[in-house]
Amino acid sequence: MAISDRHLQFVLEPPIIYRYRLDVSQQPIRARMCGFGDKDRRPIDPPPVVRLFVSTVDGASVPESSVDHSMMIVHAGLWSEDSTEERSLVINPSSIPTQSTGPSSTVMSLNAPSSTRNLMGHCTSSAYVLNNNMGQQGIYFIFQDLSVRTEGSFTLKFSFCDVKELLVRSLNGFPNTRGSVAAEVYSAPFKVYSAKKFPGMTESTALSKAFAKQGIKIPIRKETRYRKANNDEIRDPPNETTLEASSSVSSTNISNAPKVTDSSTDHEGRTEDKRDHPFSSDEDDNTVDEAGEEGKDV
């Protein structure tokens, strides 16, 4: 059986035993439930960020530049608030059996309700070597696209795995290496609100802004602009200039609008008064008088 060059490289490399530890650098705070549709999906705010610490068996810290992070991943799962039960699956309400709406029908569906993912988005993150807002370099895993379908209180469980290390161990004859998790950590509890109760997104953190400047696609909220008036900071409402401009234009149009008079202008530019109109002249008065005289004769 032929062995590829890549597999041969894995076999010849001496296995280096590392110890891994995860730390949640940015905790989730709240989110708005996205329901069972995919059109309006709001991510968990702020985006959870996990940092990886690598050390030797003796406990000596290993610098990030000496670690091959190309095949390192962290998986996120949804758990209960007390971190004792998994909440990654939820029953889809549309699959619950319901009785037919017919007047005399008693037939019910016998299909069992189907389950669907409760945690939406990209649940797996690759490793990034980045500098945090303090300028410290580290190996980070960022989850900027996670959403929850149902409301309630939850935690996130992060599981770390080095795929390359598993391949090396497997090719060198080490058993029970498939599906091995090297480190785990739980986030702090966070709350998922309904659309009506959701208090809104939080301000972007300094860590999120630092990662965004380094090219990470992470949602950043625009800062509110302030203006100073009499040494007091006043928030400029949006579209204030637009509203003032539109109101001035409206008042100008009203002032310049032509006035309505009793006279009318025809298509040739000639003006004729209603008093000179043939149907509003003295002939109308004569007609009324003649009708009155005929009534008296009768």
Protein backbone atom coordinates (compact mmCIF):
# COMPACT_ATOMS: atom_id res chain seq x y z
CA MET A 1 0.00 0.00 0.00
CA ALA A 2 1.46 3.33 -1.05
CA ILE A 3 1.76 6.07 1.54
CA SER A 4 1.50 9.67 0.40
CA ASP A 5 4.24 12.16 1.19
CA ARG A 6 1.98 13.99 3.60
CA HIS A 7 1.15 10.81 5.51
CA LEU A 8 4.84 9.84 5.55
CA GLN A 9 5.67 13.22 7.03
CA PHE A 10 3.13 12.67 9.78
CA VAL A 11 4.59 9.23 10.55
CA LEU A 12 8.19 10.44 10.66
CA GLU A 13 7.42 13.45 12.86
CA PRO A 14 8.03 12.63 16.51
CA PRO A 15 4.84 13.15 18.49
CA ILE A 16 5.10 16.18 20.77
CA ILE A 17 2.84 16.01 23.78
CA TYR A 18 1.25 19.33 24.66
CA ARG A 19 -1.24 20.30 27.30
CA TYR A 20 -4.04 22.65 26.30
CA ARG A 21 -6.25 24.99 28.26
CA LEU A 22 -9.16 27.12 27.04
CA ASP A 23 -10.25 30.45 28.46
CA VAL A 24 -13.29 32.50 27.42
CA SER A 25 -11.82 35.93 26.69
CA GLN A 26 -15.19 37.47 25.75
CA GLN A 27 -18.33 36.18 27.42
CA PRO A 28 -21.77 36.19 25.74
CA ILE A 29 -24.29 38.46 27.44
CA ARG A 30 -27.60 38.27 25.58
CA ALA A 31 -29.28 37.45 22.29
CA ARG A 32 -32.61 37.74 20.51
CA MET A 33 -34.28 34.47 19.62
CA CYS A 34 -34.40 33.83 15.88
CA GLY A 35 -37.33 31.38 15.94
CA PHE A 36 -37.65 28.67 13.33
CA GLY A 37 -37.19 30.83 10.26
CA ASP A 38 -33.91 31.74 8.63
CA LYS A 39 -34.73 35.26 7.44
CA ASP A 40 -34.19 37.25 10.66
CA ARG A 41 -31.28 35.72 12.57
CA ARG A 42 -29.54 37.85 15.19
CA PRO A 43 -26.13 36.72 16.53
CA ILE A 44 -25.23 36.33 20.18
CA ASP A 45 -23.94 39.61 21.56
CA PRO A 46 -21.08 40.19 22.10
CA PRO A 47 -19.50 37.50 19.92
CA PRO A 48 -17.94 34.79 22.14
CA VAL A 49 -14.15 34.60 21.93
CA VAL A 50 -12.07 31.70 23.27
CA ARG A 51 -8.31 31.77 23.80
CA LEU A 52 -6.02 28.72 23.75
CA PHE A 53 -3.06 28.33 26.10
CA VAL A 54 -0.44 25.70 25.23
CA SER A 55 2.11 24.26 27.66
CA THR A 56 4.44 21.30 27.91
CA VAL A 57 4.00 18.33 30.23
CA ASP A 58 6.23 20.08 32.77
CA GLY A 59 3.93 23.13 32.74
CA ALA A 60 6.22 25.44 30.78
CA SER A 61 4.36 27.88 28.54
CA VAL A 62 4.79 27.38 24.80
CA PRO A 63 4.87 30.58 22.69
CA GLU A 64 2.26 30.92 19.97
CA SER A 65 4.92 31.16 17.26
CA SER A 66 6.11 27.64 18.10
CA VAL A 67 2.65 26.05 17.80
CA ASP A 68 1.26 24.76 14.51
CA HIS A 69 -2.34 25.95 14.71
CA SER A 70 -3.27 25.19 11.09
CA MET A 71 -5.54 22.27 11.99
CA MET A 72 -6.79 23.36 15.41
CA ILE A 73 -10.54 23.80 15.86
CA VAL A 74 -13.01 24.57 18.65
CA HIS A 75 -16.63 23.43 18.55
CA ALA A 76 -19.43 25.29 20.36
CA GLY A 77 -22.46 23.54 21.81
CA LEU A 78 -25.54 24.89 23.58
CA TRP A 79 -26.10 23.74 27.16
CA SER A 80 -28.42 24.54 30.05
CA GLU A 81 -27.76 27.42 32.42
CA ASP A 82 -26.20 25.12 35.01
CA SER A 83 -24.08 23.32 32.35
CA THR A 84 -25.61 19.92 33.13
CA GLU A 85 -27.85 19.23 30.11
CA GLU A 86 -27.31 19.74 26.41
CA ARG A 87 -29.72 22.07 24.59
CA SER A 88 -28.39 21.83 21.04
CA LEU A 89 -31.60 20.23 19.69
CA VAL A 90 -35.20 21.41 19.91
CA ILE A 91 -38.50 20.05 18.57
CA ASN A 92 -39.72 21.85 15.47
CA PRO A 93 -43.29 23.11 16.20
CA SER A 94 -44.34 22.58 12.59
CA SER A 95 -43.72 18.83 12.95
CA ILE A 96 -45.98 18.35 15.99
CA PRO A 97 -49.02 16.18 15.05
CA THR A 98 -52.26 18.15 14.86
CA GLN A 99 -55.83 17.08 14.25
CA SER A 100 -57.35 17.80 10.86
CA THR A 101 -59.48 20.94 10.66
CA GLY A 102 -62.34 19.18 8.83
CA PRO A 103 -65.83 19.23 10.40
CA SER A 104 -66.09 15.47 10.97
CA SER A 105 -62.49 14.32 10.61
CA THR A 106 -60.71 12.68 13.53
CA VAL A 107 -57.56 11.70 11.62
CA MET A 108 -54.28 12.70 13.23
CA SER A 109 -50.77 12.44 11.88
CA LEU A 110 -48.81 9.48 13.21
CA ASN A 111 -45.40 10.91 12.32
CA ALA A 112 -43.19 11.62 15.31
CA PRO A 113 -42.11 15.25 15.82
CA SER A 114 -38.77 16.02 14.26
CA SER A 115 -35.92 17.80 16.00
CA THR A 116 -33.85 20.64 14.61
CA ARG A 117 -30.79 22.57 15.69
CA ASN A 118 -31.35 25.06 18.47
CA LEU A 119 -27.94 26.66 18.00
CA MET A 120 -27.69 28.17 14.53
CA GLY A 121 -24.71 29.49 12.60
CA HIS A 122 -21.11 28.34 12.34
CA CYS A 123 -20.56 26.22 15.44
CA THR A 124 -16.89 25.47 14.61
CA SER A 125 -14.09 28.01 14.51
CA SER A 126 -10.55 27.73 13.24
CA ALA A 127 -7.58 29.18 15.09
CA TYR A 128 -6.34 32.75 14.56
CA VAL A 129 -3.12 34.25 15.89
CA LEU A 130 -4.17 37.79 16.81
CA ASN A 131 -3.28 40.65 19.11
CA ASN A 132 -5.89 41.59 21.68
CA ASN A 133 -6.79 45.14 22.70
CA MET A 134 -3.80 45.15 25.10
CA GLY A 135 -1.38 44.24 22.32
CA GLN A 136 -0.82 40.69 23.59
CA GLN A 137 -0.55 37.94 21.00
CA GLY A 138 -2.54 34.75 21.39
CA ILE A 139 -4.37 31.92 19.65
CA TYR A 140 -8.06 32.80 19.46
CA PHE A 141 -11.28 31.16 18.27
CA ILE A 142 -14.08 33.56 17.35
CA PHE A 143 -17.81 32.73 17.12
CA GLN A 144 -19.44 35.77 15.50
CA ASP A 145 -22.29 33.90 13.78
CA LEU A 146 -24.10 31.99 16.55
CA SER A 147 -27.87 32.36 17.09
CA VAL A 148 -30.42 30.59 19.31
CA ARG A 149 -33.92 29.64 18.17
CA THR A 150 -35.70 29.62 21.55
CA GLU A 151 -35.68 31.99 24.50
CA GLY A 152 -34.28 31.09 27.90
CA SER A 153 -31.00 31.01 29.80
CA PHE A 154 -28.13 28.98 28.37
CA THR A 155 -24.37 28.46 28.43
CA LEU A 156 -21.96 27.57 25.64
CA LYS A 157 -19.62 24.60 25.84
CA PHE A 158 -16.40 24.93 23.86
CA SER A 159 -14.44 21.80 22.95
CA PHE A 160 -10.92 21.96 21.53
CA CYS A 161 -9.36 19.43 19.14
CA ASP A 162 -6.08 19.37 17.20
CA VAL A 163 -6.85 17.38 14.05
CA LYS A 164 -3.19 17.17 13.02
CA GLU A 165 -2.20 15.65 16.35
CA LEU A 166 -4.94 13.05 15.99
CA LEU A 167 -3.69 12.12 12.51
CA VAL A 168 -0.12 11.77 13.72
CA ARG A 169 -1.16 9.55 16.59
CA SER A 170 -3.41 7.44 14.39
CA LEU A 171 -0.73 6.89 11.73
CA ASN A 172 1.82 5.99 14.39
CA GLY A 173 -0.38 3.25 15.80
CA PHE A 174 -1.89 4.97 18.83
CA PRO A 175 -5.38 3.56 19.47
CA ASN A 176 -8.52 5.47 20.50
CA THR A 177 -7.48 8.76 18.92
CA ARG A 178 -10.62 9.38 16.89
CA GLY A 179 -12.91 12.03 18.37
CA SER A 180 -10.49 12.96 21.15
CA VAL A 181 -11.15 16.30 22.90
CA ALA A 182 -8.04 17.91 24.37
CA ALA A 183 -9.69 20.72 26.37
CA GLU A 184 -13.13 22.05 27.32
CA VAL A 185 -14.57 25.17 28.89
CA TYR A 186 -18.04 26.59 29.61
CA SER A 187 -19.09 30.18 29.11
CA ALA A 188 -20.93 32.28 31.64
CA PRO A 189 -24.75 32.01 31.48
CA PHE A 190 -26.46 34.32 29.00
CA LYS A 191 -30.11 35.08 28.31
CA VAL A 192 -32.03 34.80 25.06
CA TYR A 193 -35.02 37.16 24.78
CA SER A 194 -38.09 37.22 22.61
CA ALA A 195 -38.37 39.94 19.98
CA LYS A 196 -40.62 42.11 22.18
CA LYS A 197 -38.50 41.79 25.34
CA PHE A 198 -35.07 42.12 23.74
CA PRO A 199 -33.32 45.17 25.29
CA GLY A 200 -31.06 45.72 22.28
CA MET A 201 -27.47 45.10 21.29
CA THR A 202 -24.59 46.07 23.55
CA GLU A 203 -21.80 48.42 22.58
CA SER A 204 -18.93 46.86 20.66
CA THR A 205 -16.14 45.78 22.97
CA ALA A 206 -12.51 46.84 22.70
CA LEU A 207 -11.54 43.25 21.91
CA SER A 208 -14.00 43.05 19.01
CA LYS A 209 -12.72 46.33 17.60
CA ALA A 210 -9.11 45.13 17.88
CA PHE A 211 -9.93 41.94 15.96
CA ALA A 212 -11.90 43.84 13.31
CA LYS A 213 -8.88 46.07 12.64
CA GLN A 214 -6.85 42.91 11.96
CA GLY A 215 -9.22 41.70 9.25
CA ILE A 216 -11.63 39.50 11.23
CA LYS A 217 -15.22 39.76 10.00
CA ILE A 218 -16.92 40.65 13.25
CA PRO A 219 -19.97 42.93 13.67
CA ILE A 220 -19.03 46.37 14.97
CA ARG A 221 -21.65 48.93 15.97
CA LYS A 222 -21.13 52.49 14.78
CA GLU A 223 -20.46 54.99 17.54
CA THR A 224 -23.06 57.71 18.20
CA ARG A 225 -21.90 61.17 17.21
CA TYR A 226 -22.17 64.01 19.72
CA ARG A 227 -22.03 67.76 19.33
CA LYS A 228 -21.25 70.36 21.99
CA ALA A 229 -23.63 73.21 22.75
CA ASN A 230 -22.99 75.50 25.74
CA ASN A 231 -20.38 73.07 27.08
CA ASP A 232 -23.02 70.31 27.17
CA GLU A 233 -22.90 67.20 25.03
CA ILE A 234 -26.07 66.76 23.00
CA ARG A 235 -26.73 63.74 20.81
CA ASP A 236 -27.53 64.62 17.24
CA PRO A 237 -30.70 62.78 16.20
CA PRO A 238 -30.41 61.02 12.86
CA ASN A 239 -31.82 62.72 9.75
CA GLU A 240 -32.07 66.06 11.56
CA THR A 241 -30.53 67.93 8.63
CA THR A 242 -32.76 66.13 6.19
CA LEU A 243 -35.88 67.02 8.13
CA GLU A 244 -34.93 70.70 8.34
CA ALA A 245 -34.13 70.83 4.64
CA SER A 246 -37.40 69.19 3.68
CA SER A 247 -39.40 71.53 5.93
CA SER A 248 -37.74 74.62 4.41
CA VAL A 249 -38.43 73.35 0.92
CA SER A 250 -42.07 72.76 1.80
CA SER A 251 -42.49 76.26 3.22
CA THR A 252 -40.85 77.76 0.12
CA ASN A 253 -43.17 75.84 -2.16
CA ILE A 254 -46.19 77.00 -0.19
CA SER A 255 -45.14 80.66 -0.28
CA ASN A 256 -44.46 80.52 -4.03
CA ALA A 257 -47.66 78.69 -4.87
CA PRO A 258 -50.07 80.66 -7.14
CA LYS A 259 -53.12 82.16 -5.48
CA VAL A 260 -56.57 81.02 -6.54
CA THR A 261 -58.79 83.85 -7.83
CA ASP A 262 -62.21 84.13 -9.33
CA SER A 263 -60.73 84.56 -12.79
CA SER A 264 -59.63 81.64 -14.96
CA THR A 265 -57.03 81.49 -17.73
CA ASP A 266 -57.58 79.57 -20.94
CA HIS A 267 -54.92 77.74 -22.89
CA GLU A 268 -54.10 80.85 -25.00
CA GLY A 269 -53.25 82.92 -21.92
CA ARG A 270 -56.42 85.03 -22.03
CA THR A 271 -58.21 85.75 -18.78
CA GLU A 272 -61.94 85.95 -18.54
CA ASP A 273 -63.96 86.95 -15.52
CA LYS A 274 -66.84 84.87 -14.31
CA ARG A 275 -69.07 87.91 -14.50
CA ASP A 276 -68.55 88.06 -18.29
CA HIS A 277 -69.19 84.34 -18.79
CA PRO A 278 -72.21 83.66 -21.00
CA PHE A 279 -73.65 81.17 -18.53
CA SER A 280 -73.22 83.47 -15.53
CA SER A 281 -74.41 86.75 -17.20
CA ASP A 282 -77.69 88.66 -17.01
CA GLU A 283 -79.33 86.13 -19.30
CA ASP A 284 -79.65 83.81 -16.31
CA ASP A 285 -81.48 86.52 -14.39
CA ASN A 286 -83.82 87.15 -17.37
CA THR A 287 -84.62 83.45 -17.57
CA VAL A 288 -85.58 83.37 -13.89
CA ASP A 289 -87.76 86.48 -14.27
CA GLU A 290 -89.59 85.05 -17.31
CA ALA A 291 -90.30 81.83 -15.45
CA GLY A 292 -91.73 83.81 -12.56
CA GLU A 293 -94.02 85.84 -14.82
CA GLU A 294 -95.34 82.69 -16.52
CA GLY A 295 -96.19 81.29 -13.13
CA LYS A 296 -98.19 84.39 -12.26
CA ASP A 297 -100.20 84.22 -15.50
CA VAL A 298 -101.21 80.66 -14.79
